[in-house]
Amino acid sequence: MSANPCPCGLGEPFATCCGPLHAGERKAATAEQLMRSRYAAFAVGDAAYLLATWHPSTRPAELDLDPEQRWVRLDVLDRTGGGPFDTEGTVTFRAHYHLHGRAGSLTEHSRFTRADKSWTYVDGDHD
């Protein structure tokens, strides 16, 4: 891990922000923190972390990330629940990317659940 800023957009170094989550050294305290760490995993190409934080009922058997897709910015638009004492939460975000020389964005309303002190991504609605 390096002193590079974390892709999640909070301005902290990756090594102290989402890096410890990806390494399994700690767990996300909120649904938004998990969503941000999952965005960072897309940005750094960590498919194993994405699968590990996906709810078993909706987790795909495998995940192939496109190495040509560069995730460049995350905007959190809204959130409900998802706090340290909640068991469910939602986060709406817009993720900006570049792919094959073109800029694009993905907006998703994501659903999360927490069991045994661990948040997991359940699913989301895209526009």
N, C-alpha and C. Protein backbone atom coordinates (compact mmCIF):
# COMPACT_ATOMS: atom_id res chain seq x y z
N MET A 1 0.84 -1.18 0.00
CA MET A 1 0.00 0.00 0.00
C MET A 1 0.88 1.24 0.00
N SER A 2 0.40 2.29 -0.61
CA SER A 2 1.23 3.48 -0.77
C SER A 2 0.53 4.69 -0.17
N ALA A 3 1.17 5.83 -0.30
CA ALA A 3 0.63 7.08 0.21
C ALA A 3 -0.33 7.72 -0.79
N ASN A 4 -0.66 7.02 -1.84
CA ASN A 4 -1.59 7.55 -2.83
C ASN A 4 -2.96 7.78 -2.19
N PRO A 5 -3.68 8.82 -2.63
CA PRO A 5 -5.01 9.05 -2.08
C PRO A 5 -5.94 7.88 -2.39
N CYS A 6 -6.80 7.59 -1.47
CA CYS A 6 -7.75 6.49 -1.66
C CYS A 6 -8.74 6.85 -2.76
N PRO A 7 -9.05 5.93 -3.66
CA PRO A 7 -10.02 6.21 -4.72
C PRO A 7 -11.43 6.53 -4.21
N CYS A 8 -11.74 6.18 -2.95
CA CYS A 8 -13.10 6.36 -2.43
C CYS A 8 -13.51 7.81 -2.31
N GLY A 9 -12.55 8.73 -2.38
CA GLY A 9 -12.89 10.15 -2.41
C GLY A 9 -12.86 10.87 -1.08
N LEU A 10 -12.49 10.21 0.00
CA LEU A 10 -12.47 10.88 1.29
C LEU A 10 -11.20 11.68 1.54
N GLY A 11 -10.20 11.54 0.67
CA GLY A 11 -9.00 12.33 0.77
C GLY A 11 -7.91 11.74 1.65
N GLU A 12 -8.15 10.60 2.24
CA GLU A 12 -7.15 9.92 3.07
C GLU A 12 -6.26 9.05 2.19
N PRO A 13 -5.06 8.70 2.66
CA PRO A 13 -4.24 7.75 1.90
C PRO A 13 -4.91 6.37 1.87
N PHE A 14 -4.78 5.68 0.76
CA PHE A 14 -5.36 4.34 0.62
C PHE A 14 -4.91 3.43 1.76
N ALA A 15 -3.66 3.57 2.19
CA ALA A 15 -3.08 2.70 3.22
C ALA A 15 -3.78 2.83 4.57
N THR A 16 -4.44 3.95 4.82
CA THR A 16 -5.14 4.13 6.10
C THR A 16 -6.65 4.26 5.93
N CYS A 17 -7.12 4.29 4.71
CA CYS A 17 -8.55 4.45 4.44
C CYS A 17 -9.16 3.09 4.09
N CYS A 18 -9.25 2.76 2.82
CA CYS A 18 -9.86 1.50 2.39
C CYS A 18 -8.89 0.33 2.35
N GLY A 19 -7.60 0.60 2.31
CA GLY A 19 -6.60 -0.46 2.28
C GLY A 19 -6.75 -1.48 3.40
N PRO A 20 -6.90 -1.04 4.67
CA PRO A 20 -7.08 -2.02 5.75
C PRO A 20 -8.36 -2.85 5.62
N LEU A 21 -9.39 -2.29 5.02
CA LEU A 21 -10.62 -3.06 4.77
C LEU A 21 -10.34 -4.14 3.73
N HIS A 22 -9.66 -3.76 2.65
CA HIS A 22 -9.33 -4.72 1.59
C HIS A 22 -8.43 -5.83 2.12
N ALA A 23 -7.56 -5.50 3.05
CA ALA A 23 -6.62 -6.50 3.61
C ALA A 23 -7.26 -7.35 4.71
N GLY A 24 -8.52 -7.05 5.08
CA GLY A 24 -9.19 -7.82 6.12
C GLY A 24 -8.76 -7.45 7.53
N GLU A 25 -8.07 -6.31 7.68
CA GLU A 25 -7.60 -5.88 9.00
C GLU A 25 -8.71 -5.27 9.84
N ARG A 26 -9.76 -4.77 9.19
CA ARG A 26 -10.94 -4.26 9.90
C ARG A 26 -12.13 -4.35 8.95
N LYS A 27 -13.32 -4.16 9.52
CA LYS A 27 -14.55 -4.23 8.73
C LYS A 27 -15.17 -2.85 8.64
N ALA A 28 -15.96 -2.65 7.61
CA ALA A 28 -16.66 -1.38 7.43
C ALA A 28 -17.64 -1.17 8.58
N ALA A 29 -17.65 0.03 9.14
CA ALA A 29 -18.53 0.36 10.26
C ALA A 29 -19.92 0.77 9.80
N THR A 30 -20.04 1.22 8.54
CA THR A 30 -21.32 1.69 8.01
C THR A 30 -21.49 1.17 6.59
N ALA A 31 -22.74 1.25 6.12
CA ALA A 31 -23.01 0.85 4.73
C ALA A 31 -22.27 1.77 3.76
N GLU A 32 -22.21 3.06 4.06
CA GLU A 32 -21.50 3.98 3.16
C GLU A 32 -20.01 3.64 3.12
N GLN A 33 -19.43 3.31 4.26
CA GLN A 33 -18.01 2.96 4.27
C GLN A 33 -17.77 1.71 3.42
N LEU A 34 -18.68 0.73 3.51
CA LEU A 34 -18.54 -0.47 2.67
C LEU A 34 -18.68 -0.10 1.20
N MET A 35 -19.66 0.74 0.87
CA MET A 35 -19.85 1.14 -0.53
C MET A 35 -18.60 1.84 -1.05
N ARG A 36 -18.05 2.76 -0.26
CA ARG A 36 -16.84 3.47 -0.68
C ARG A 36 -15.68 2.50 -0.87
N SER A 37 -15.55 1.53 0.04
CA SER A 37 -14.45 0.56 -0.07
C SER A 37 -14.64 -0.34 -1.28
N ARG A 38 -15.89 -0.64 -1.62
CA ARG A 38 -16.16 -1.45 -2.81
C ARG A 38 -15.84 -0.66 -4.08
N TYR A 39 -16.18 0.64 -4.08
CA TYR A 39 -15.79 1.48 -5.22
C TYR A 39 -14.27 1.47 -5.37
N ALA A 40 -13.57 1.64 -4.24
CA ALA A 40 -12.10 1.61 -4.27
C ALA A 40 -11.60 0.28 -4.81
N ALA A 41 -12.28 -0.81 -4.47
CA ALA A 41 -11.88 -2.13 -4.97
C ALA A 41 -12.04 -2.21 -6.49
N PHE A 42 -13.12 -1.64 -7.02
CA PHE A 42 -13.25 -1.57 -8.48
C PHE A 42 -12.10 -0.76 -9.06
N ALA A 43 -11.76 0.36 -8.42
CA ALA A 43 -10.71 1.25 -8.93
C ALA A 43 -9.34 0.59 -8.92
N VAL A 44 -9.06 -0.25 -7.93
CA VAL A 44 -7.73 -0.89 -7.86
C VAL A 44 -7.74 -2.32 -8.39
N GLY A 45 -8.91 -2.80 -8.85
CA GLY A 45 -8.99 -4.13 -9.45
C GLY A 45 -9.00 -5.27 -8.46
N ASP A 46 -9.57 -5.07 -7.28
CA ASP A 46 -9.60 -6.09 -6.23
C ASP A 46 -10.92 -6.87 -6.26
N ALA A 47 -11.04 -7.79 -7.22
CA ALA A 47 -12.26 -8.59 -7.37
C ALA A 47 -12.50 -9.47 -6.15
N ALA A 48 -11.45 -9.96 -5.50
CA ALA A 48 -11.62 -10.82 -4.33
C ALA A 48 -12.35 -10.09 -3.21
N TYR A 49 -12.01 -8.81 -2.98
CA TYR A 49 -12.70 -8.03 -1.95
C TYR A 49 -14.16 -7.81 -2.32
N LEU A 50 -14.41 -7.53 -3.58
CA LEU A 50 -15.79 -7.33 -4.03
C LEU A 50 -16.63 -8.57 -3.77
N LEU A 51 -16.11 -9.73 -4.11
CA LEU A 51 -16.84 -10.98 -3.88
C LEU A 51 -17.01 -11.26 -2.39
N ALA A 52 -15.99 -10.98 -1.60
CA ALA A 52 -16.05 -11.24 -0.16
C ALA A 52 -17.06 -10.36 0.55
N THR A 53 -17.35 -9.18 0.00
CA THR A 53 -18.29 -8.26 0.65
C THR A 53 -19.66 -8.27 -0.01
N TRP A 54 -19.91 -9.23 -0.87
CA TRP A 54 -21.19 -9.38 -1.56
C TRP A 54 -22.03 -10.38 -0.77
N HIS A 55 -23.28 -10.07 -0.54
CA HIS A 55 -24.16 -10.96 0.22
C HIS A 55 -24.25 -12.32 -0.49
N PRO A 56 -24.16 -13.42 0.26
CA PRO A 56 -24.17 -14.75 -0.38
C PRO A 56 -25.40 -15.02 -1.25
N SER A 57 -26.54 -14.41 -0.93
CA SER A 57 -27.75 -14.67 -1.71
C SER A 57 -27.73 -14.05 -3.10
N THR A 58 -26.86 -13.07 -3.33
CA THR A 58 -26.82 -12.40 -4.63
C THR A 58 -25.42 -12.40 -5.25
N ARG A 59 -24.45 -12.97 -4.56
CA ARG A 59 -23.05 -12.97 -5.03
C ARG A 59 -22.89 -13.81 -6.28
N PRO A 60 -22.24 -13.27 -7.31
CA PRO A 60 -21.96 -14.08 -8.50
C PRO A 60 -20.86 -15.11 -8.19
N ALA A 61 -20.79 -16.14 -8.98
CA ALA A 61 -19.77 -17.18 -8.79
C ALA A 61 -18.37 -16.62 -9.05
N GLU A 62 -18.28 -15.68 -9.98
CA GLU A 62 -17.00 -15.05 -10.28
C GLU A 62 -17.26 -13.64 -10.77
N LEU A 63 -16.20 -12.85 -10.80
CA LEU A 63 -16.32 -11.46 -11.21
C LEU A 63 -15.12 -11.10 -12.05
N ASP A 64 -15.37 -10.73 -13.29
CA ASP A 64 -14.30 -10.32 -14.20
C ASP A 64 -14.37 -8.81 -14.37
N LEU A 65 -13.34 -8.12 -13.89
CA LEU A 65 -13.27 -6.67 -14.03
C LEU A 65 -12.59 -6.31 -15.34
N ASP A 66 -13.08 -5.29 -16.00
CA ASP A 66 -12.50 -4.84 -17.26
C ASP A 66 -11.26 -4.00 -16.97
N PRO A 67 -10.06 -4.47 -17.31
CA PRO A 67 -8.84 -3.72 -17.01
C PRO A 67 -8.75 -2.39 -17.77
N GLU A 68 -9.56 -2.22 -18.80
CA GLU A 68 -9.56 -0.97 -19.57
C GLU A 68 -10.40 0.12 -18.89
N GLN A 69 -11.27 -0.27 -17.98
CA GLN A 69 -12.15 0.70 -17.32
C GLN A 69 -11.42 1.33 -16.14
N ARG A 70 -11.32 2.67 -16.15
CA ARG A 70 -10.65 3.42 -15.08
C ARG A 70 -11.70 4.22 -14.31
N TRP A 71 -11.86 3.88 -13.05
CA TRP A 71 -12.80 4.60 -12.18
C TRP A 71 -12.11 5.84 -11.66
N VAL A 72 -12.70 7.02 -11.87
CA VAL A 72 -12.00 8.27 -11.62
C VAL A 72 -12.60 9.15 -10.53
N ARG A 73 -13.88 8.96 -10.18
CA ARG A 73 -14.48 9.80 -9.13
C ARG A 73 -15.76 9.17 -8.62
N LEU A 74 -15.99 9.36 -7.34
CA LEU A 74 -17.20 8.86 -6.69
C LEU A 74 -17.93 10.01 -6.04
N ASP A 75 -19.24 10.11 -6.30
CA ASP A 75 -20.10 11.09 -5.64
C ASP A 75 -21.19 10.34 -4.89
N VAL A 76 -21.26 10.52 -3.58
CA VAL A 76 -22.35 9.95 -2.80
C VAL A 76 -23.50 10.94 -2.84
N LEU A 77 -24.65 10.48 -3.32
CA LEU A 77 -25.80 11.36 -3.52
C LEU A 77 -26.80 11.31 -2.38
N ASP A 78 -26.95 10.14 -1.75
CA ASP A 78 -27.94 9.98 -0.68
C ASP A 78 -27.65 8.71 0.09
N ARG A 79 -28.16 8.64 1.31
CA ARG A 79 -28.05 7.43 2.11
C ARG A 79 -29.20 7.38 3.10
N THR A 80 -29.62 6.18 3.41
CA THR A 80 -30.63 5.97 4.45
C THR A 80 -30.17 4.80 5.31
N GLY A 81 -30.36 4.94 6.61
CA GLY A 81 -29.92 3.87 7.52
C GLY A 81 -28.44 3.61 7.32
N GLY A 82 -28.07 2.36 7.55
CA GLY A 82 -26.70 1.95 7.30
C GLY A 82 -25.69 2.38 8.34
N GLY A 83 -26.17 2.83 9.50
CA GLY A 83 -25.26 3.25 10.56
C GLY A 83 -24.71 2.07 11.36
N PRO A 84 -23.84 2.35 12.32
CA PRO A 84 -23.21 1.28 13.10
C PRO A 84 -24.19 0.41 13.89
N PHE A 85 -25.40 0.92 14.15
CA PHE A 85 -26.37 0.14 14.92
C PHE A 85 -27.55 -0.33 14.08
N ASP A 86 -27.51 -0.07 12.78
CA ASP A 86 -28.56 -0.50 11.86
C ASP A 86 -28.24 -1.88 11.30
N THR A 87 -29.26 -2.54 10.76
CA THR A 87 -29.05 -3.82 10.09
C THR A 87 -29.28 -3.71 8.59
N GLU A 88 -29.81 -2.58 8.13
CA GLU A 88 -30.03 -2.36 6.71
C GLU A 88 -29.69 -0.92 6.37
N GLY A 89 -29.34 -0.69 5.13
CA GLY A 89 -29.07 0.66 4.68
C GLY A 89 -29.02 0.73 3.17
N THR A 90 -29.16 1.93 2.67
CA THR A 90 -29.04 2.16 1.23
C THR A 90 -28.09 3.33 1.00
N VAL A 91 -27.41 3.30 -0.12
CA VAL A 91 -26.54 4.39 -0.54
C VAL A 91 -26.76 4.60 -2.04
N THR A 92 -27.04 5.83 -2.40
CA THR A 92 -27.15 6.18 -3.81
C THR A 92 -25.89 6.95 -4.19
N PHE A 93 -25.26 6.53 -5.27
CA PHE A 93 -24.00 7.14 -5.67
C PHE A 93 -23.91 7.24 -7.18
N ARG A 94 -22.99 8.09 -7.61
CA ARG A 94 -22.64 8.18 -9.03
C ARG A 94 -21.13 7.93 -9.13
N ALA A 95 -20.76 6.94 -9.91
CA ALA A 95 -19.36 6.59 -10.12
C ALA A 95 -18.97 6.98 -11.54
N HIS A 96 -17.91 7.75 -11.67
CA HIS A 96 -17.44 8.24 -12.96
C HIS A 96 -16.26 7.40 -13.43
N TYR A 97 -16.23 7.14 -14.73
CA TYR A 97 -15.17 6.29 -15.27
C TYR A 97 -14.77 6.74 -16.67
N HIS A 98 -13.65 6.20 -17.13
CA HIS A 98 -13.21 6.33 -18.52
C HIS A 98 -13.07 4.92 -19.07
N LEU A 99 -13.58 4.71 -20.27
CA LEU A 99 -13.49 3.41 -20.93
C LEU A 99 -13.32 3.64 -22.42
N HIS A 100 -12.22 3.10 -22.97
CA HIS A 100 -11.93 3.23 -24.40
C HIS A 100 -11.97 4.68 -24.86
N GLY A 101 -11.37 5.57 -24.04
CA GLY A 101 -11.27 6.97 -24.41
C GLY A 101 -12.52 7.80 -24.20
N ARG A 102 -13.55 7.22 -23.60
CA ARG A 102 -14.79 7.95 -23.39
C ARG A 102 -15.10 8.03 -21.90
N ALA A 103 -15.62 9.17 -21.49
CA ALA A 103 -16.05 9.35 -20.10
C ALA A 103 -17.47 8.84 -19.96
N GLY A 104 -17.77 8.28 -18.80
CA GLY A 104 -19.11 7.81 -18.52
C GLY A 104 -19.36 7.84 -17.03
N SER A 105 -20.59 7.52 -16.66
CA SER A 105 -20.91 7.43 -15.24
C SER A 105 -21.99 6.37 -15.03
N LEU A 106 -22.02 5.87 -13.82
CA LEU A 106 -22.99 4.87 -13.40
C LEU A 106 -23.63 5.38 -12.13
N THR A 107 -24.94 5.48 -12.10
CA THR A 107 -25.65 5.86 -10.88
C THR A 107 -26.36 4.62 -10.37
N GLU A 108 -26.20 4.36 -9.06
CA GLU A 108 -26.81 3.16 -8.47
C GLU A 108 -27.39 3.49 -7.10
N HIS A 109 -28.52 2.90 -6.82
CA HIS A 109 -29.14 2.91 -5.49
C HIS A 109 -28.87 1.52 -4.93
N SER A 110 -27.89 1.43 -4.03
CA SER A 110 -27.42 0.13 -3.52
C SER A 110 -28.05 -0.20 -2.18
N ARG A 111 -28.32 -1.49 -1.99
CA ARG A 111 -28.87 -1.98 -0.73
C ARG A 111 -27.82 -2.81 -0.01
N PHE A 112 -27.74 -2.59 1.30
CA PHE A 112 -26.77 -3.28 2.15
C PHE A 112 -27.48 -3.87 3.36
N THR A 113 -26.91 -4.93 3.89
CA THR A 113 -27.42 -5.53 5.12
C THR A 113 -26.24 -5.85 6.03
N ARG A 114 -26.52 -5.88 7.34
CA ARG A 114 -25.46 -6.17 8.31
C ARG A 114 -25.90 -7.33 9.18
N ALA A 115 -25.03 -8.32 9.28
CA ALA A 115 -25.24 -9.47 10.16
C ALA A 115 -23.89 -9.84 10.76
N ASP A 116 -23.89 -10.25 12.00
CA ASP A 116 -22.64 -10.61 12.69
C ASP A 116 -21.59 -9.51 12.56
N LYS A 117 -22.02 -8.27 12.70
CA LYS A 117 -21.14 -7.10 12.67
C LYS A 117 -20.46 -6.85 11.33
N SER A 118 -20.95 -7.46 10.26
CA SER A 118 -20.36 -7.29 8.94
C SER A 118 -21.40 -6.78 7.95
N TRP A 119 -21.09 -5.66 7.31
CA TRP A 119 -21.94 -5.15 6.24
C TRP A 119 -21.64 -5.91 4.96
N THR A 120 -22.69 -6.20 4.18
CA THR A 120 -22.52 -6.79 2.86
C THR A 120 -23.40 -6.05 1.86
N TYR A 121 -22.93 -6.03 0.62
CA TYR A 121 -23.68 -5.46 -0.49
C TYR A 121 -24.69 -6.50 -0.94
N VAL A 122 -25.96 -6.13 -1.03
CA VAL A 122 -27.01 -7.07 -1.47
C VAL A 122 -27.24 -6.92 -2.97
N ASP A 123 -27.65 -5.74 -3.41
CA ASP A 123 -27.90 -5.49 -4.82
C ASP A 123 -28.14 -4.01 -5.03
N GLY A 124 -28.39 -3.64 -6.27
CA GLY A 124 -28.63 -2.24 -6.56
C GLY A 124 -29.40 -2.04 -7.84
N ASP A 125 -30.03 -0.89 -7.92
CA ASP A 125 -30.76 -0.47 -9.12
C ASP A 125 -29.94 0.59 -9.83
N HIS A 126 -29.67 0.37 -11.13
CA HIS A 126 -28.88 1.31 -11.94
C HIS A 126 -29.81 2.16 -12.79
N ASP A 127 -29.27 3.30 -13.17
CA ASP A 127 -30.01 4.08 -14.18
C ASP A 127 -29.20 4.14 -15.45
